[in-house]
Amino acid sequence: MIKIAIAGCTGRMGQRVLREAHLAPDIDIVGALTRPMNPFIGQGIETLVAEMPGGPLVTDDPRQAFQEADVLIDFSAPEALPHHLTAALDLRKPYLMCVTGVSDDHVAAFEKAAEFIPVMMAPNTSLGIALLRKMAVLAATVLGPAFDVSILEMHHRKKKDAPSGTSLSLAKALRTVDFLKHNMPPYLSQHPRPTGTLECVTLQGGGVAGDHTVIFAGDQEMIEIKHRALDPNLFAHGALKAATWLHVQKPGLYTIDDVLGA
């Protein structure tokens, strides 16, 4: 039985993780963390997920939430990460960070923390996205600079960060290919478009869970590699799989690709 604490438990993804954990026979939720002043503080997690009676009380104290956990899953918000990371380091807890819209300072802090605890930065916990990254790098390597490379994404209207962490991870992977190495954020369009640049275009609307397409456009043909999330629960399922893997690892910095062998 693996004991897990969820940060951001009152959010949409946090509640999905709670439900998926309830269905997993080898996972026990022992901590539920939310932001200060949240109205659910002090209530049992059955107020969030009715089928989970007898679970921990929702708290805004990271140490209380993390104390009994084998591993942490964080679906909270960027501004909460420093407080959560401090508690995780003090308690020496493996940390799965699934928050998007993080800054360079956040990344640096997690890289430093990885010297002492296992840390995974996974803005997208989908197996399909891990495969998309691998296929995109292969395609870029084979096709070369004769093809312009673009990332097109679409998310629901309420998503706050753009480009998303998933698109940024795709761009980071693509920049390992020689002709794209020197292209840096923010991946803005240029007119006319120089050879060897990487564009990222973001659309938002409706309730789209997440669409990501890597486009390779040549003079005579175009290739598209696409991933479409049909059910947001796939991210909760992936997060639990990643947490199960992470809690037995040595200190270090990991990605979802390490879990999936992609």
C-alpha atoms as a PDB file:
ATOM      1  CA  MET A   1       0.000   0.000   0.000  1.00  0.00           C
ATOM      2  CA  ILE A   2       1.458   3.368  -1.072  1.00  0.00           C
ATOM      3  CA  LYS A   3       0.508   6.389   1.018  1.00  0.00           C
ATOM      4  CA  ILE A   4      -0.068   9.545  -1.020  1.00  0.00           C
ATOM      5  CA  ALA A   5      -0.723  13.191  -0.157  1.00  0.00           C
ATOM      6  CA  ILE A   6      -2.496  15.441  -2.661  1.00  0.00           C
ATOM      7  CA  ALA A   7      -1.748  19.181  -2.830  1.00  0.00           C
ATOM      8  CA  GLY A   8      -4.464  21.119  -4.607  1.00  0.00           C
ATOM      9  CA  CYS A   9      -7.026  18.548  -3.513  1.00  0.00           C
ATOM     10  CA  THR A  10     -10.008  20.897  -3.918  1.00  0.00           C
ATOM     11  CA  GLY A  11      -9.222  21.738  -7.549  1.00  0.00           C
ATOM     12  CA  ARG A  12     -10.531  19.881 -10.564  1.00  0.00           C
ATOM     13  CA  MET A  13      -7.434  17.726 -11.061  1.00  0.00           C
ATOM     14  CA  GLY A  14      -6.959  17.189  -7.337  1.00  0.00           C
ATOM     15  CA  GLN A  15     -10.456  15.767  -7.039  1.00  0.00           C
ATOM     16  CA  ARG A  16      -9.899  13.545 -10.066  1.00  0.00           C
ATOM     17  CA  VAL A  17      -6.755  12.154  -8.436  1.00  0.00           C
ATOM     18  CA  LEU A  18      -8.727  11.438  -5.267  1.00  0.00           C
ATOM     19  CA  ARG A  19     -11.339   9.501  -7.260  1.00  0.00           C
ATOM     20  CA  GLU A  20      -8.748   7.520  -9.201  1.00  0.00           C
ATOM     21  CA  ALA A  21      -6.891   6.734  -5.975  1.00  0.00           C
ATOM     22  CA  HIS A  22     -10.101   5.429  -4.425  1.00  0.00           C
ATOM     23  CA  LEU A  23     -10.351   2.916  -7.275  1.00  0.00           C
ATOM     24  CA  ALA A  24      -6.746   1.748  -6.890  1.00  0.00           C
ATOM     25  CA  PRO A  25      -6.370  -1.164  -4.432  1.00  0.00           C
ATOM     26  CA  ASP A  26      -2.719  -0.359  -3.642  1.00  0.00           C
ATOM     27  CA  ILE A  27      -3.049   3.389  -2.899  1.00  0.00           C
ATOM     28  CA  ASP A  28      -4.106   5.101   0.323  1.00  0.00           C
ATOM     29  CA  ILE A  29      -4.714   8.866   0.535  1.00  0.00           C
ATOM     30  CA  VAL A  30      -3.251  10.099   3.832  1.00  0.00           C
ATOM     31  CA  GLY A  31      -2.993  13.849   3.200  1.00  0.00           C
ATOM     32  CA  ALA A  32      -5.154  16.481   1.508  1.00  0.00           C
ATOM     33  CA  LEU A  33      -3.775  20.016   1.138  1.00  0.00           C
ATOM     34  CA  THR A  34      -5.486  23.166  -0.107  1.00  0.00           C
ATOM     35  CA  ARG A  35      -4.837  26.907  -0.090  1.00  0.00           C
ATOM     36  CA  PRO A  36      -5.337  29.039   3.056  1.00  0.00           C
ATOM     37  CA  MET A  37      -8.895  30.270   3.630  1.00  0.00           C
ATOM     38  CA  ASN A  38     -10.406  27.531   1.479  1.00  0.00           C
ATOM     39  CA  PRO A  39     -13.912  26.706   2.812  1.00  0.00           C
ATOM     40  CA  PHE A  40     -13.161  22.950   2.795  1.00  0.00           C
ATOM     41  CA  ILE A  41     -10.422  23.245   5.439  1.00  0.00           C
ATOM     42  CA  GLY A  42     -11.197  21.017   8.420  1.00  0.00           C
ATOM     43  CA  GLN A  43     -13.655  18.852   6.509  1.00  0.00           C
ATOM     44  CA  GLY A  44     -13.131  15.239   5.496  1.00  0.00           C
ATOM     45  CA  ILE A  45     -12.273  14.416   1.891  1.00  0.00           C
ATOM     46  CA  GLU A  46     -15.706  12.786   1.564  1.00  0.00           C
ATOM     47  CA  THR A  47     -16.997  16.341   1.126  1.00  0.00           C
ATOM     48  CA  LEU A  48     -14.963  16.422  -2.106  1.00  0.00           C
ATOM     49  CA  VAL A  49     -15.449  12.802  -3.185  1.00  0.00           C
ATOM     50  CA  ALA A  50     -18.533  11.265  -1.627  1.00  0.00           C
ATOM     51  CA  GLU A  51     -17.366   7.675  -2.128  1.00  0.00           C
ATOM     52  CA  MET A  52     -14.295   8.210   0.096  1.00  0.00           C
ATOM     53  CA  PRO A  53     -15.563   8.239   3.704  1.00  0.00           C
ATOM     54  CA  GLY A  54     -13.081   8.088   6.544  1.00  0.00           C
ATOM     55  CA  GLY A  55     -10.191   9.800   4.763  1.00  0.00           C
ATOM     56  CA  PRO A  56      -7.977  12.604   6.070  1.00  0.00           C
ATOM     57  CA  LEU A  57      -9.201  16.096   6.851  1.00  0.00           C
ATOM     58  CA  VAL A  58      -8.463  18.843   4.333  1.00  0.00           C
ATOM     59  CA  THR A  59      -5.760  21.164   5.677  1.00  0.00           C
ATOM     60  CA  ASP A  60      -3.782  24.235   4.615  1.00  0.00           C
ATOM     61  CA  ASP A  61      -0.692  23.042   6.541  1.00  0.00           C
ATOM     62  CA  PRO A  62       1.800  21.294   4.201  1.00  0.00           C
ATOM     63  CA  ARG A  63       3.607  19.538   7.043  1.00  0.00           C
ATOM     64  CA  GLN A  64       0.382  18.107   8.399  1.00  0.00           C
ATOM     65  CA  ALA A  65      -0.684  16.947   4.937  1.00  0.00           C
ATOM     66  CA  PHE A  66       2.686  15.430   4.010  1.00  0.00           C
ATOM     67  CA  GLN A  67       3.703  13.904   7.350  1.00  0.00           C
ATOM     68  CA  GLU A  68       2.477  10.333   6.784  1.00  0.00           C
ATOM     69  CA  ALA A  69       2.866  10.198   3.008  1.00  0.00           C
ATOM     70  CA  ASP A  70       5.282   8.073   0.995  1.00  0.00           C
ATOM     71  CA  VAL A  71       5.042  10.492  -1.933  1.00  0.00           C
ATOM     72  CA  LEU A  72       3.406  13.846  -2.758  1.00  0.00           C
ATOM     73  CA  ILE A  73       1.358  14.780  -5.825  1.00  0.00           C
ATOM     74  CA  ASP A  74       1.011  18.519  -6.395  1.00  0.00           C
ATOM     75  CA  PHE A  75      -1.764  19.898  -8.617  1.00  0.00           C
ATOM     76  CA  SER A  76      -1.977  23.242  -6.800  1.00  0.00           C
ATOM     77  CA  ALA A  77      -0.718  26.566  -8.221  1.00  0.00           C
ATOM     78  CA  PRO A  78       2.694  28.137  -8.916  1.00  0.00           C
ATOM     79  CA  GLU A  79       2.507  30.547  -5.976  1.00  0.00           C
ATOM     80  CA  ALA A  80       2.084  27.638  -3.531  1.00  0.00           C
ATOM     81  CA  LEU A  81       5.085  25.637  -4.733  1.00  0.00           C
ATOM     82  CA  PRO A  82       7.827  27.238  -2.569  1.00  0.00           C
ATOM     83  CA  HIS A  83       5.893  26.459   0.645  1.00  0.00           C
ATOM     84  CA  HIS A  84       5.137  22.907  -0.448  1.00  0.00           C
ATOM     85  CA  LEU A  85       8.709  22.266  -1.560  1.00  0.00           C
ATOM     86  CA  THR A  86      10.128  23.521   1.744  1.00  0.00           C
ATOM     87  CA  ALA A  87       7.937  21.096   3.682  1.00  0.00           C
ATOM     88  CA  ALA A  88       8.754  18.226   1.327  1.00  0.00           C
ATOM     89  CA  LEU A  89      12.478  18.836   1.739  1.00  0.00           C
ATOM     90  CA  ASP A  90      12.263  19.047   5.522  1.00  0.00           C
ATOM     91  CA  LEU A  91      10.301  15.780   5.631  1.00  0.00           C
ATOM     92  CA  ARG A  92      12.365  14.170   2.828  1.00  0.00           C
ATOM     93  CA  LYS A  93       9.329  13.246   0.758  1.00  0.00           C
ATOM     94  CA  PRO A  94       9.421  12.350  -2.961  1.00  0.00           C
ATOM     95  CA  TYR A  95       7.656  15.106  -4.883  1.00  0.00           C
ATOM     96  CA  LEU A  96       5.623  14.802  -8.106  1.00  0.00           C
ATOM     97  CA  MET A  97       5.028  18.352  -9.398  1.00  0.00           C
ATOM     98  CA  CYS A  98       2.176  18.537 -11.937  1.00  0.00           C
ATOM     99  CA  VAL A  99       1.646  22.311 -11.844  1.00  0.00           C
ATOM    100  CA  THR A 100       1.786  24.306 -15.094  1.00  0.00           C
ATOM    101  CA  GLY A 101       2.816  27.921 -15.587  1.00  0.00           C
ATOM    102  CA  VAL A 102       5.921  27.639 -13.401  1.00  0.00           C
ATOM    103  CA  SER A 103       8.749  30.173 -13.597  1.00  0.00           C
ATOM    104  CA  ASP A 104      12.470  29.678 -14.128  1.00  0.00           C
ATOM    105  CA  ASP A 105      12.914  30.278 -10.392  1.00  0.00           C
ATOM    106  CA  HIS A 106      10.540  27.410  -9.631  1.00  0.00           C
ATOM    107  CA  VAL A 107      12.460  25.118 -11.968  1.00  0.00           C
ATOM    108  CA  ALA A 108      15.772  26.084 -10.354  1.00  0.00           C
ATOM    109  CA  ALA A 109      14.356  25.366  -6.888  1.00  0.00           C
ATOM    110  CA  PHE A 110      13.192  21.901  -7.925  1.00  0.00           C
ATOM    111  CA  GLU A 111      16.520  21.165  -9.582  1.00  0.00           C
ATOM    112  CA  LYS A 112      18.252  22.044  -6.310  1.00  0.00           C
ATOM    113  CA  ALA A 113      15.784  19.988  -4.267  1.00  0.00           C
ATOM    114  CA  ALA A 114      16.496  16.974  -6.474  1.00  0.00           C
ATOM    115  CA  GLU A 115      19.906  16.721  -4.816  1.00  0.00           C
ATOM    116  CA  PHE A 116      18.114  15.574  -1.653  1.00  0.00           C
ATOM    117  CA  ILE A 117      14.772  14.019  -2.691  1.00  0.00           C
ATOM    118  CA  PRO A 118      13.309  12.354  -5.785  1.00  0.00           C
ATOM    119  CA  VAL A 119      11.573  15.098  -7.825  1.00  0.00           C
ATOM    120  CA  MET A 120       9.513  14.701 -10.969  1.00  0.00           C
ATOM    121  CA  MET A 121       8.403  17.707 -12.984  1.00  0.00           C
ATOM    122  CA  ALA A 122       5.422  16.491 -15.008  1.00  0.00           C
ATOM    123  CA  PRO A 123       3.144  19.234 -16.363  1.00  0.00           C
ATOM    124  CA  ASN A 124       1.459  16.479 -18.373  1.00  0.00           C
ATOM    125  CA  THR A 125       1.237  12.908 -17.045  1.00  0.00           C
ATOM    126  CA  SER A 126      -0.108  11.320 -20.238  1.00  0.00           C
ATOM    127  CA  LEU A 127       1.609   8.299 -21.806  1.00  0.00           C
ATOM    128  CA  GLY A 128       0.491   9.590 -25.203  1.00  0.00           C
ATOM    129  CA  ILE A 129       2.243  12.929 -24.716  1.00  0.00           C
ATOM    130  CA  ALA A 130       5.477  11.151 -23.785  1.00  0.00           C
ATOM    131  CA  LEU A 131       5.177   9.182 -27.024  1.00  0.00           C
ATOM    132  CA  LEU A 132       4.372  12.373 -28.975  1.00  0.00           C
ATOM    133  CA  ARG A 133       7.601  13.969 -27.729  1.00  0.00           C
ATOM    134  CA  LYS A 134       9.644  10.965 -28.843  1.00  0.00           C
ATOM    135  CA  MET A 135       7.974  10.822 -32.263  1.00  0.00           C
ATOM    136  CA  ALA A 136       8.345  14.575 -32.800  1.00  0.00           C
ATOM    137  CA  VAL A 137      12.089  14.486 -32.115  1.00  0.00           C
ATOM    138  CA  LEU A 138      12.491  11.527 -34.467  1.00  0.00           C
ATOM    139  CA  ALA A 139      10.541  13.302 -37.218  1.00  0.00           C
ATOM    140  CA  ALA A 140      12.527  16.524 -36.831  1.00  0.00           C
ATOM    141  CA  THR A 141      15.800  14.599 -36.945  1.00  0.00           C
ATOM    142  CA  VAL A 142      14.834  12.753 -40.121  1.00  0.00           C
ATOM    143  CA  LEU A 143      13.172  15.652 -41.961  1.00  0.00           C
ATOM    144  CA  GLY A 144      15.747  18.311 -41.107  1.00  0.00           C
ATOM    145  CA  PRO A 145      15.722  22.073 -41.755  1.00  0.00           C
ATOM    146  CA  ALA A 146      13.828  21.771 -45.053  1.00  0.00           C
ATOM    147  CA  PHE A 147      10.692  21.533 -42.887  1.00  0.00           C
ATOM    148  CA  ASP A 148       9.335  24.298 -40.641  1.00  0.00           C
ATOM    149  CA  VAL A 149       8.325  22.976 -37.220  1.00  0.00           C
ATOM    150  CA  SER A 150       5.316  24.349 -35.321  1.00  0.00           C
ATOM    151  CA  ILE A 151       3.420  23.359 -32.171  1.00  0.00           C
ATOM    152  CA  LEU A 152      -0.332  23.973 -32.132  1.00  0.00           C
ATOM    153  CA  GLU A 153      -2.279  23.519 -28.898  1.00  0.00           C
ATOM    154  CA  MET A 154      -5.854  24.054 -27.754  1.00  0.00           C
ATOM    155  CA  HIS A 155      -7.204  24.023 -24.196  1.00  0.00           C
ATOM    156  CA  HIS A 156     -10.402  24.904 -22.347  1.00  0.00           C
ATOM    157  CA  ARG A 157     -11.272  28.566 -21.957  1.00  0.00           C
ATOM    158  CA  LYS A 158     -10.311  28.682 -18.238  1.00  0.00           C
ATOM    159  CA  LYS A 159      -6.674  27.602 -18.632  1.00  0.00           C
ATOM    160  CA  LYS A 160      -4.392  30.320 -17.276  1.00  0.00           C
ATOM    161  CA  ASP A 161      -0.981  29.600 -18.808  1.00  0.00           C
ATOM    162  CA  ALA A 162      -0.003  29.806 -22.470  1.00  0.00           C
ATOM    163  CA  PRO A 163       1.979  28.204 -23.958  1.00  0.00           C
ATOM    164  CA  SER A 164       1.141  25.288 -21.696  1.00  0.00           C
ATOM    165  CA  GLY A 165       3.732  23.295 -19.813  1.00  0.00           C
ATOM    166  CA  THR A 166       3.104  20.467 -22.264  1.00  0.00           C
ATOM    167  CA  SER A 167       3.913  22.623 -25.287  1.00  0.00           C
ATOM    168  CA  LEU A 168       7.000  23.957 -23.551  1.00  0.00           C
ATOM    169  CA  SER A 169       8.141  20.378 -22.879  1.00  0.00           C
ATOM    170  CA  LEU A 170       7.599  19.528 -26.557  1.00  0.00           C
ATOM    171  CA  ALA A 171       9.615  22.587 -27.563  1.00  0.00           C
ATOM    172  CA  LYS A 172      12.398  21.684 -25.142  1.00  0.00           C
ATOM    173  CA  ALA A 173      12.607  18.187 -26.613  1.00  0.00           C
ATOM    174  CA  LEU A 174      12.609  19.509 -30.181  1.00  0.00           C
ATOM    175  CA  ARG A 175      15.419  21.915 -29.370  1.00  0.00           C
ATOM    176  CA  THR A 176      17.711  18.916 -28.862  1.00  0.00           C
ATOM    177  CA  VAL A 177      17.660  18.544 -32.669  1.00  0.00           C
ATOM    178  CA  ASP A 178      20.600  20.376 -34.254  1.00  0.00           C
ATOM    179  CA  PHE A 179      18.775  22.792 -36.546  1.00  0.00           C
ATOM    180  CA  LEU A 180      16.390  23.895 -33.764  1.00  0.00           C
ATOM    181  CA  LYS A 181      18.930  24.177 -30.941  1.00  0.00           C
ATOM    182  CA  HIS A 182      19.332  27.942 -30.957  1.00  0.00           C
ATOM    183  CA  ASN A 183      15.633  28.776 -31.013  1.00  0.00           C
ATOM    184  CA  MET A 184      14.593  30.060 -27.582  1.00  0.00           C
ATOM    185  CA  PRO A 185      11.274  31.113 -25.952  1.00  0.00           C
ATOM    186  CA  PRO A 186       8.781  32.651 -26.457  1.00  0.00           C
ATOM    187  CA  TYR A 187       8.577  30.910 -29.866  1.00  0.00           C
ATOM    188  CA  LEU A 188       6.808  33.902 -31.409  1.00  0.00           C
ATOM    189  CA  SER A 189       5.912  34.022 -35.087  1.00  0.00           C
ATOM    190  CA  GLN A 190       8.210  36.015 -37.367  1.00  0.00           C
ATOM    191  CA  HIS A 191       7.393  37.379 -40.815  1.00  0.00           C
ATOM    192  CA  PRO A 192       8.879  36.214 -43.090  1.00  0.00           C
ATOM    193  CA  ARG A 193       9.742  33.102 -41.147  1.00  0.00           C
ATOM    194  CA  PRO A 194      13.469  32.293 -40.783  1.00  0.00           C
ATOM    195  CA  THR A 195      14.691  28.740 -41.352  1.00  0.00           C
ATOM    196  CA  GLY A 196      15.226  26.674 -38.232  1.00  0.00           C
ATOM    197  CA  THR A 197      12.740  28.495 -36.003  1.00  0.00           C
ATOM    198  CA  LEU A 198      10.132  26.895 -33.782  1.00  0.00           C
ATOM    199  CA  GLU A 199       6.642  28.374 -33.501  1.00  0.00           C
ATOM    200  CA  CYS A 200       4.082  27.699 -30.783  1.00  0.00           C
ATOM    201  CA  VAL A 201       0.464  28.729 -31.294  1.00  0.00           C
ATOM    202  CA  THR A 202      -2.142  28.565 -28.532  1.00  0.00           C
ATOM    203  CA  LEU A 203      -5.933  28.430 -28.865  1.00  0.00           C
ATOM    204  CA  GLN A 204      -8.464  28.363 -26.014  1.00  0.00           C
ATOM    205  CA  GLY A 205     -12.156  27.598 -26.037  1.00  0.00           C
ATOM    206  CA  GLY A 206     -14.961  25.465 -24.721  1.00  0.00           C
ATOM    207  CA  GLY A 207     -14.112  22.512 -22.518  1.00  0.00           C
ATOM    208  CA  VAL A 208     -11.213  21.085 -24.515  1.00  0.00           C
ATOM    209  CA  ALA A 209      -9.138  18.879 -22.195  1.00  0.00           C
ATOM    210  CA  GLY A 210      -5.992  19.266 -24.293  1.00  0.00           C
ATOM    211  CA  ASP A 211      -5.038  18.994 -27.969  1.00  0.00           C
ATOM    212  CA  HIS A 212      -1.388  19.140 -29.070  1.00  0.00           C
ATOM    213  CA  THR A 213      -0.148  18.883 -32.652  1.00  0.00           C
ATOM    214  CA  VAL A 214       3.420  19.075 -33.926  1.00  0.00           C
ATOM    215  CA  ILE A 215       3.390  20.214 -37.556  1.00  0.00           C
ATOM    216  CA  PHE A 216       6.223  19.697 -40.044  1.00  0.00           C
ATOM    217  CA  ALA A 217       5.597  21.851 -43.109  1.00  0.00           C
ATOM    218  CA  GLY A 218       7.732  21.392 -46.222  1.00  0.00           C
ATOM    219  CA  ASP A 219       7.387  22.912 -49.665  1.00  0.00           C
ATOM    220  CA  GLN A 220       5.663  19.836 -51.093  1.00  0.00           C
ATOM    221  CA  GLU A 221       4.198  17.985 -48.124  1.00  0.00           C
ATOM    222  CA  MET A 222       3.121  18.415 -44.509  1.00  0.00           C
ATOM    223  CA  ILE A 223       3.232  15.943 -41.633  1.00  0.00           C
ATOM    224  CA  GLU A 224       1.209  16.288 -38.418  1.00  0.00           C
ATOM    225  CA  ILE A 225       1.630  14.278 -35.212  1.00  0.00           C
ATOM    226  CA  LYS A 226      -1.310  14.838 -32.890  1.00  0.00           C
ATOM    227  CA  HIS A 227      -2.389  13.916 -29.383  1.00  0.00           C
ATOM    228  CA  ARG A 228      -5.926  14.547 -28.149  1.00  0.00           C
ATOM    229  CA  ALA A 229      -6.979  14.066 -24.533  1.00  0.00           C
ATOM    230  CA  LEU A 230     -10.511  12.651 -24.563  1.00  0.00           C
ATOM    231  CA  ASP A 231     -10.934  12.301 -20.792  1.00  0.00           C
ATOM    232  CA  PRO A 232      -9.144  14.458 -18.178  1.00  0.00           C
ATOM    233  CA  ASN A 233      -9.064  11.436 -15.877  1.00  0.00           C
ATOM    234  CA  LEU A 234      -6.168  10.124 -17.939  1.00  0.00           C
ATOM    235  CA  PHE A 235      -3.943  12.742 -16.257  1.00  0.00           C
ATOM    236  CA  ALA A 236      -5.018  11.600 -12.787  1.00  0.00           C
ATOM    237  CA  HIS A 237      -4.357   7.975 -13.703  1.00  0.00           C
ATOM    238  CA  GLY A 238      -0.935   8.922 -15.073  1.00  0.00           C
ATOM    239  CA  ALA A 239      -0.107  10.941 -11.952  1.00  0.00           C
ATOM    240  CA  LEU A 240      -0.804   7.963  -9.707  1.00  0.00           C
ATOM    241  CA  LYS A 241       1.320   5.709 -11.902  1.00  0.00           C
ATOM    242  CA  ALA A 242       4.147   8.263 -11.800  1.00  0.00           C
ATOM    243  CA  ALA A 243       3.880   8.669  -8.018  1.00  0.00           C
ATOM    244  CA  THR A 244       4.011   4.899  -7.533  1.00  0.00           C
ATOM    245  CA  TRP A 245       7.219   4.819  -9.585  1.00  0.00           C
ATOM    246  CA  LEU A 246       8.773   7.892  -7.968  1.00  0.00           C
ATOM    247  CA  HIS A 247       8.481   6.890  -4.340  1.00  0.00           C
ATOM    248  CA  VAL A 248      11.093   4.128  -4.680  1.00  0.00           C
ATOM    249  CA  GLN A 249      13.626   6.213  -6.635  1.00  0.00           C
ATOM    250  CA  LYS A 250      16.854   7.760  -5.405  1.00  0.00           C
ATOM    251  CA  PRO A 251      17.159  11.559  -5.140  1.00  0.00           C
ATOM    252  CA  GLY A 252      17.268  13.072  -8.601  1.00  0.00           C
ATOM    253  CA  LEU A 253      15.297  15.005 -11.193  1.00  0.00           C
ATOM    254  CA  TYR A 254      12.919  12.910 -13.305  1.00  0.00           C
ATOM    255  CA  THR A 255      10.268  13.316 -15.996  1.00  0.00           C
ATOM    256  CA  ILE A 256       7.219  11.269 -16.976  1.00  0.00           C
ATOM    257  CA  ASP A 257       9.341   9.824 -19.798  1.00  0.00           C
ATOM    258  CA  ASP A 258      11.439   8.029 -17.154  1.00  0.00           C
ATOM    259  CA  VAL A 259       8.327   6.256 -15.858  1.00  0.00           C
ATOM    260  CA  LEU A 260       7.156   5.180 -19.263  1.00  0.00           C
ATOM    261  CA  GLY A 261      10.512   4.337 -20.768  1.00  0.00           C
ATOM    262  CA  ALA A 262       9.798   6.698 -23.669  1.00  0.00           C
END
